[in-house]
C-alpha atoms as a PDB file:
ATOM      1  CA  MET A   1       0.000   0.000   0.000  1.00  0.00           C
ATOM      2  CA  PHE A   2       1.283   3.451  -0.925  1.00  0.00           C
ATOM      3  CA  HIS A   3       1.758   5.931   1.896  1.00  0.00           C
ATOM      4  CA  ASP A   4       2.152   9.620   1.097  1.00  0.00           C
ATOM      5  CA  THR A   5       5.253  10.821   2.967  1.00  0.00           C
ATOM      6  CA  ARG A   6       5.363  14.351   1.571  1.00  0.00           C
ATOM      7  CA  PRO A   7       5.545  17.051   4.219  1.00  0.00           C
ATOM      8  CA  ARG A   8       2.264  18.874   4.665  1.00  0.00           C
ATOM      9  CA  GLY A   9       2.009  22.567   4.056  1.00  0.00           C
ATOM     10  CA  ILE A  10       4.366  22.734   1.076  1.00  0.00           C
ATOM     11  CA  ARG A  11       3.769  26.034  -0.652  1.00  0.00           C
ATOM     12  CA  ILE A  12       4.692  26.507  -4.279  1.00  0.00           C
ATOM     13  CA  PRO A  13       5.837  30.078  -4.948  1.00  0.00           C
ATOM     14  CA  SER A  14       4.069  32.125  -7.614  1.00  0.00           C
ATOM     15  CA  HIS A  15       5.823  33.070 -10.840  1.00  0.00           C
ATOM     16  CA  ARG A  16       6.371  36.584  -9.447  1.00  0.00           C
ATOM     17  CA  GLU A  17       7.822  35.263  -6.169  1.00  0.00           C
ATOM     18  CA  THR A  18      10.187  32.983  -8.070  1.00  0.00           C
ATOM     19  CA  ALA A  19      11.310  35.821 -10.348  1.00  0.00           C
ATOM     20  CA  GLU A  20      11.828  38.094  -7.340  1.00  0.00           C
ATOM     21  CA  GLU A  21      13.889  35.394  -5.610  1.00  0.00           C
ATOM     22  CA  TRP A  22      15.962  35.207  -8.808  1.00  0.00           C
ATOM     23  CA  GLY A  23      16.548  38.952  -8.444  1.00  0.00           C
ATOM     24  CA  GLU A  24      17.878  39.503 -11.962  1.00  0.00           C
ATOM     25  CA  GLN A  25      16.370  39.802 -15.404  1.00  0.00           C
ATOM     26  CA  VAL A  26      14.833  36.691 -16.948  1.00  0.00           C
ATOM     27  CA  ALA A  27      15.056  35.752 -20.631  1.00  0.00           C
ATOM     28  CA  ALA A  28      11.599  35.480 -22.193  1.00  0.00           C
ATOM     29  CA  LEU A  29       9.909  35.731 -25.562  1.00  0.00           C
ATOM     30  CA  ARG A  30       9.723  39.356 -26.610  1.00  0.00           C
ATOM     31  CA  ALA A  31       6.079  38.862 -27.605  1.00  0.00           C
ATOM     32  CA  ALA A  32       4.311  35.538 -27.142  1.00  0.00           C
ATOM     33  CA  PRO A  33       1.806  34.830 -29.939  1.00  0.00           C
ATOM     34  CA  PRO A  34      -1.905  34.653 -29.119  1.00  0.00           C
ATOM     35  CA  GLY A  35      -2.778  31.366 -27.453  1.00  0.00           C
ATOM     36  CA  TRP A  36       0.711  30.728 -26.082  1.00  0.00           C
ATOM     37  CA  SER A  37       0.914  30.406 -22.309  1.00  0.00           C
ATOM     38  CA  PHE A  38       3.869  29.739 -20.067  1.00  0.00           C
ATOM     39  CA  LEU A  39       4.813  28.056 -16.839  1.00  0.00           C
ATOM     40  CA  LEU A  40       7.835  29.235 -14.894  1.00  0.00           C
ATOM     41  CA  GLY A  41       9.952  26.368 -13.612  1.00  0.00           C
ATOM     42  CA  ARG A  42      12.906  26.564 -11.256  1.00  0.00           C
ATOM     43  CA  LEU A  43      15.915  24.481 -10.354  1.00  0.00           C
ATOM     44  CA  SER A  44      18.071  25.005  -7.296  1.00  0.00           C
ATOM     45  CA  SER A  45      21.414  23.460  -6.470  1.00  0.00           C
ATOM     46  CA  ASP A  46      22.417  23.220  -2.829  1.00  0.00           C
ATOM     47  CA  GLY A  47      19.827  25.880  -1.987  1.00  0.00           C
ATOM     48  CA  PHE A  48      20.941  28.294  -4.736  1.00  0.00           C
ATOM     49  CA  LEU A  49      18.407  29.148  -7.465  1.00  0.00           C
ATOM     50  CA  CYS A  50      20.462  28.567 -10.622  1.00  0.00           C
ATOM     51  CA  HIS A  51      17.984  27.976 -13.482  1.00  0.00           C
ATOM     52  CA  LEU A  52      14.623  29.441 -14.453  1.00  0.00           C
ATOM     53  CA  ASP A  53      12.679  27.822 -17.292  1.00  0.00           C
ATOM     54  CA  LEU A  54       9.872  29.527 -19.160  1.00  0.00           C
ATOM     55  CA  ASN A  55       8.019  26.589 -20.678  1.00  0.00           C
ATOM     56  CA  TYR A  56       5.738  27.873 -23.441  1.00  0.00           C
ATOM     57  CA  HIS A  57       2.658  25.892 -24.476  1.00  0.00           C
ATOM     58  CA  LEU A  58       0.085  26.129 -27.252  1.00  0.00           C
ATOM     59  CA  ASP A  59      -3.148  24.225 -26.722  1.00  0.00           C
ATOM     60  CA  GLY A  60      -1.470  22.268 -23.923  1.00  0.00           C
ATOM     61  CA  GLU A  61       1.456  21.155 -26.082  1.00  0.00           C
ATOM     62  CA  PRO A  62       5.032  22.293 -25.338  1.00  0.00           C
ATOM     63  CA  VAL A  63       6.333  24.512 -28.134  1.00  0.00           C
ATOM     64  CA  ALA A  64       9.400  26.236 -26.649  1.00  0.00           C
ATOM     65  CA  VAL A  65      11.586  26.556 -23.558  1.00  0.00           C
ATOM     66  CA  VAL A  66      13.623  29.626 -22.664  1.00  0.00           C
ATOM     67  CA  GLN A  67      15.991  28.953 -19.792  1.00  0.00           C
ATOM     68  CA  THR A  68      17.961  31.592 -17.907  1.00  0.00           C
ATOM     69  CA  SER A  69      20.937  30.153 -16.029  1.00  0.00           C
ATOM     70  CA  ARG A  70      23.654  31.489 -13.774  1.00  0.00           C
ATOM     71  CA  PRO A  71      26.718  29.844 -12.290  1.00  0.00           C
ATOM     72  CA  VAL A  72      26.559  28.259  -8.863  1.00  0.00           C
ATOM     73  CA  PRO A  73      28.804  30.211  -6.460  1.00  0.00           C
ATOM     74  CA  ALA A  74      32.159  28.729  -5.510  1.00  0.00           C
ATOM     75  CA  GLY A  75      31.997  26.577  -2.401  1.00  0.00           C
ATOM     76  CA  HIS A  76      28.612  24.990  -3.139  1.00  0.00           C
ATOM     77  CA  ARG A  77      28.635  21.236  -2.765  1.00  0.00           C
ATOM     78  CA  VAL A  78      26.756  20.600  -6.001  1.00  0.00           C
ATOM     79  CA  GLY A  79      27.258  22.376  -9.301  1.00  0.00           C
ATOM     80  CA  SER A  80      24.721  22.669 -12.076  1.00  0.00           C
ATOM     81  CA  LEU A  81      25.201  23.100 -15.791  1.00  0.00           C
ATOM     82  CA  THR A  82      22.828  22.879 -18.708  1.00  0.00           C
ATOM     83  CA  THR A  83      23.764  22.914 -22.359  1.00  0.00           C
ATOM     84  CA  PRO A  84      21.800  23.301 -25.570  1.00  0.00           C
ATOM     85  CA  GLN A  85      22.211  19.541 -26.079  1.00  0.00           C
ATOM     86  CA  SER A  86      20.864  18.632 -22.622  1.00  0.00           C
ATOM     87  CA  GLN A  87      17.946  21.032 -22.911  1.00  0.00           C
ATOM     88  CA  LEU A  88      17.185  19.738 -26.395  1.00  0.00           C
ATOM     89  CA  ALA A  89      17.116  16.147 -25.091  1.00  0.00           C
ATOM     90  CA  THR A  90      14.796  17.155 -22.228  1.00  0.00           C
ATOM     91  CA  PHE A  91      12.504  19.086 -24.584  1.00  0.00           C
ATOM     92  CA  LEU A  92      12.289  16.146 -26.978  1.00  0.00           C
ATOM     93  CA  ALA A  93      11.467  13.736 -24.141  1.00  0.00           C
ATOM     94  CA  THR A  94       8.916  15.912 -22.331  1.00  0.00           C
ATOM     95  CA  SER A  95       7.145  17.043 -25.499  1.00  0.00           C
ATOM     96  CA  GLY A  96       6.513  13.482 -26.660  1.00  0.00           C
ATOM     97  CA  ARG A  97       8.730  13.879 -29.735  1.00  0.00           C
ATOM     98  CA  LEU A  98      11.064  11.127 -28.566  1.00  0.00           C
ATOM     99  CA  ASP A  99      10.438   7.571 -27.495  1.00  0.00           C
ATOM    100  CA  PRO A 100      10.734   7.635 -23.676  1.00  0.00           C
ATOM    101  CA  ARG A 101      13.052   4.609 -23.809  1.00  0.00           C
ATOM    102  CA  THR A 102      15.599   6.715 -25.706  1.00  0.00           C
ATOM    103  CA  HIS A 103      17.846   8.547 -23.257  1.00  0.00           C
ATOM    104  CA  LEU A 104      19.449  10.945 -25.696  1.00  0.00           C
ATOM    105  CA  ALA A 105      18.428  11.735 -29.241  1.00  0.00           C
ATOM    106  CA  PRO A 106      21.309  11.763 -31.678  1.00  0.00           C
ATOM    107  CA  PRO A 107      22.062  15.144 -33.232  1.00  0.00           C
ATOM    108  CA  ASP A 108      21.010  15.647 -36.843  1.00  0.00           C
ATOM    109  CA  GLY A 109      24.574  16.748 -37.595  1.00  0.00           C
ATOM    110  CA  PRO A 110      27.040  19.293 -36.278  1.00  0.00           C
ATOM    111  CA  PRO A 111      25.781  22.636 -34.907  1.00  0.00           C
ATOM    112  CA  THR A 112      25.124  25.263 -37.568  1.00  0.00           C
ATOM    113  CA  PRO A 113      25.569  29.036 -37.389  1.00  0.00           C
ATOM    114  CA  GLY A 114      22.443  31.011 -36.626  1.00  0.00           C
ATOM    115  CA  GLN A 115      21.154  34.012 -34.769  1.00  0.00           C
ATOM    116  CA  VAL A 116      18.827  34.866 -31.930  1.00  0.00           C
ATOM    117  CA  LEU A 117      17.335  38.317 -31.428  1.00  0.00           C
ATOM    118  CA  LEU A 118      17.830  39.860 -27.986  1.00  0.00           C
ATOM    119  CA  HIS A 119      15.818  43.092 -27.700  1.00  0.00           C
ATOM    120  CA  GLY A 120      15.736  43.105 -31.510  1.00  0.00           C
ATOM    121  CA  VAL A 121      19.530  42.926 -31.858  1.00  0.00           C
ATOM    122  CA  PRO A 122      20.931  39.857 -33.671  1.00  0.00           C
ATOM    123  CA  VAL A 123      23.217  37.688 -31.539  1.00  0.00           C
ATOM    124  CA  PRO A 124      25.224  34.996 -33.375  1.00  0.00           C
ATOM    125  CA  VAL A 125      24.758  31.495 -31.954  1.00  0.00           C
ATOM    126  CA  GLU A 126      25.494  27.845 -32.699  1.00  0.00           C
ATOM    127  CA  VAL A 127      22.235  26.005 -33.357  1.00  0.00           C
ATOM    128  CA  HIS A 128      21.962  22.350 -32.329  1.00  0.00           C
ATOM    129  CA  HIS A 129      19.458  20.168 -34.224  1.00  0.00           C
ATOM    130  CA  SER A 130      17.720  16.903 -33.367  1.00  0.00           C
ATOM    131  CA  GLN A 131      14.427  15.282 -34.345  1.00  0.00           C
ATOM    132  CA  GLY A 132      13.081  18.461 -35.975  1.00  0.00           C
ATOM    133  CA  CYS A 133      13.896  20.659 -32.967  1.00  0.00           C
ATOM    134  CA  ARG A 134      16.597  23.241 -32.336  1.00  0.00           C
ATOM    135  CA  SER A 135      18.467  24.666 -29.360  1.00  0.00           C
ATOM    136  CA  ALA A 136      21.004  27.477 -28.891  1.00  0.00           C
ATOM    137  CA  LEU A 137      22.925  29.146 -26.067  1.00  0.00           C
ATOM    138  CA  ILE A 138      22.808  32.948 -25.833  1.00  0.00           C
ATOM    139  CA  PRO A 139      25.389  34.786 -23.724  1.00  0.00           C
ATOM    140  CA  LEU A 140      23.790  37.402 -21.496  1.00  0.00           C
ATOM    141  CA  PRO A 141      25.031  41.002 -21.340  1.00  0.00           C
ATOM    142  CA  PRO A 142      28.049  41.591 -19.068  1.00  0.00           C
ATOM    143  CA  SER A 143      25.761  43.258 -16.504  1.00  0.00           C
ATOM    144  CA  GLN A 144      24.153  39.869 -15.775  1.00  0.00           C
ATOM    145  CA  ARG A 145      25.912  36.609 -14.938  1.00  0.00           C
ATOM    146  CA  GLY A 146      25.139  33.519 -16.930  1.00  0.00           C
ATOM    147  CA  TYR A 147      23.458  32.624 -20.182  1.00  0.00           C
ATOM    148  CA  ALA A 148      20.121  31.722 -21.727  1.00  0.00           C
ATOM    149  CA  ILE A 149      19.213  28.660 -23.772  1.00  0.00           C
ATOM    150  CA  VAL A 150      16.285  28.621 -26.167  1.00  0.00           C
ATOM    151  CA  THR A 151      14.814  25.363 -27.483  1.00  0.00           C
ATOM    152  CA  ALA A 152      11.866  24.875 -29.849  1.00  0.00           C
ATOM    153  CA  GLY A 153      10.513  22.864 -32.725  1.00  0.00           C
ATOM    154  CA  ALA A 154      11.464  24.081 -36.183  1.00  0.00           C
ATOM    155  CA  ALA A 155       7.920  25.377 -36.775  1.00  0.00           C
ATOM    156  CA  HIS A 156       8.221  27.750 -33.793  1.00  0.00           C
ATOM    157  CA  TRP A 157      11.933  28.592 -33.994  1.00  0.00           C
ATOM    158  CA  ALA A 158      11.524  32.113 -35.434  1.00  0.00           C
ATOM    159  CA  THR A 159       9.091  33.071 -32.674  1.00  0.00           C
ATOM    160  CA  ALA A 160      11.097  31.387 -29.911  1.00  0.00           C
ATOM    161  CA  THR A 161      14.318  33.148 -30.876  1.00  0.00           C
ATOM    162  CA  ASP A 162      12.953  36.696 -30.568  1.00  0.00           C
ATOM    163  CA  LEU A 163      13.865  37.282 -26.916  1.00  0.00           C
ATOM    164  CA  ALA A 164      14.006  40.026 -24.324  1.00  0.00           C
ATOM    165  CA  LEU A 165      15.302  40.213 -20.771  1.00  0.00           C
ATOM    166  CA  ARG A 166      12.436  40.964 -18.397  1.00  0.00           C
ATOM    167  CA  PRO A 167      12.646  42.291 -14.831  1.00  0.00           C
ATOM    168  CA  PRO A 168      11.158  40.181 -12.027  1.00  0.00           C
ATOM    169  CA  ALA A 169       8.185  42.568 -11.815  1.00  0.00           C
ATOM    170  CA  ALA A 170       7.112  41.464 -15.316  1.00  0.00           C
ATOM    171  CA  PHE A 171       5.925  38.163 -13.903  1.00  0.00           C
END
């Protein structure tokens, strides 16, 4: 018999509370198309909030992920690192585009040159491809530590790569 051992009274923070805890700008779509919604996910390492994921959906289906990441401070017991390849593999698995028994989809070839718009300004990137989806790492401006990774299906790539950095109050 299954016994629920979760602690009672767990409170999930709102998107705004999570963004405020982050305390820096968050990479997001500059303008989400009508019908697109998002969920803000978070990942902490050793108590340090190191990744925020904006998971965009259309009619309940995942269409894009924009992750903002920052390095774990020195001295933390556990580090955390995501790459375009790891986010692409996760996106493929969670969006149902990949057989769940497959742990990592093979790339469709070497990364290709591309660009992502950040506040309307082109930023050159390497684009990783697998199973009809793409992923790229975008360095953040020097005023903010870390990087962003955008991942989407080819049909939504142009929309997903038009990004802006938003303050916590935007959520």
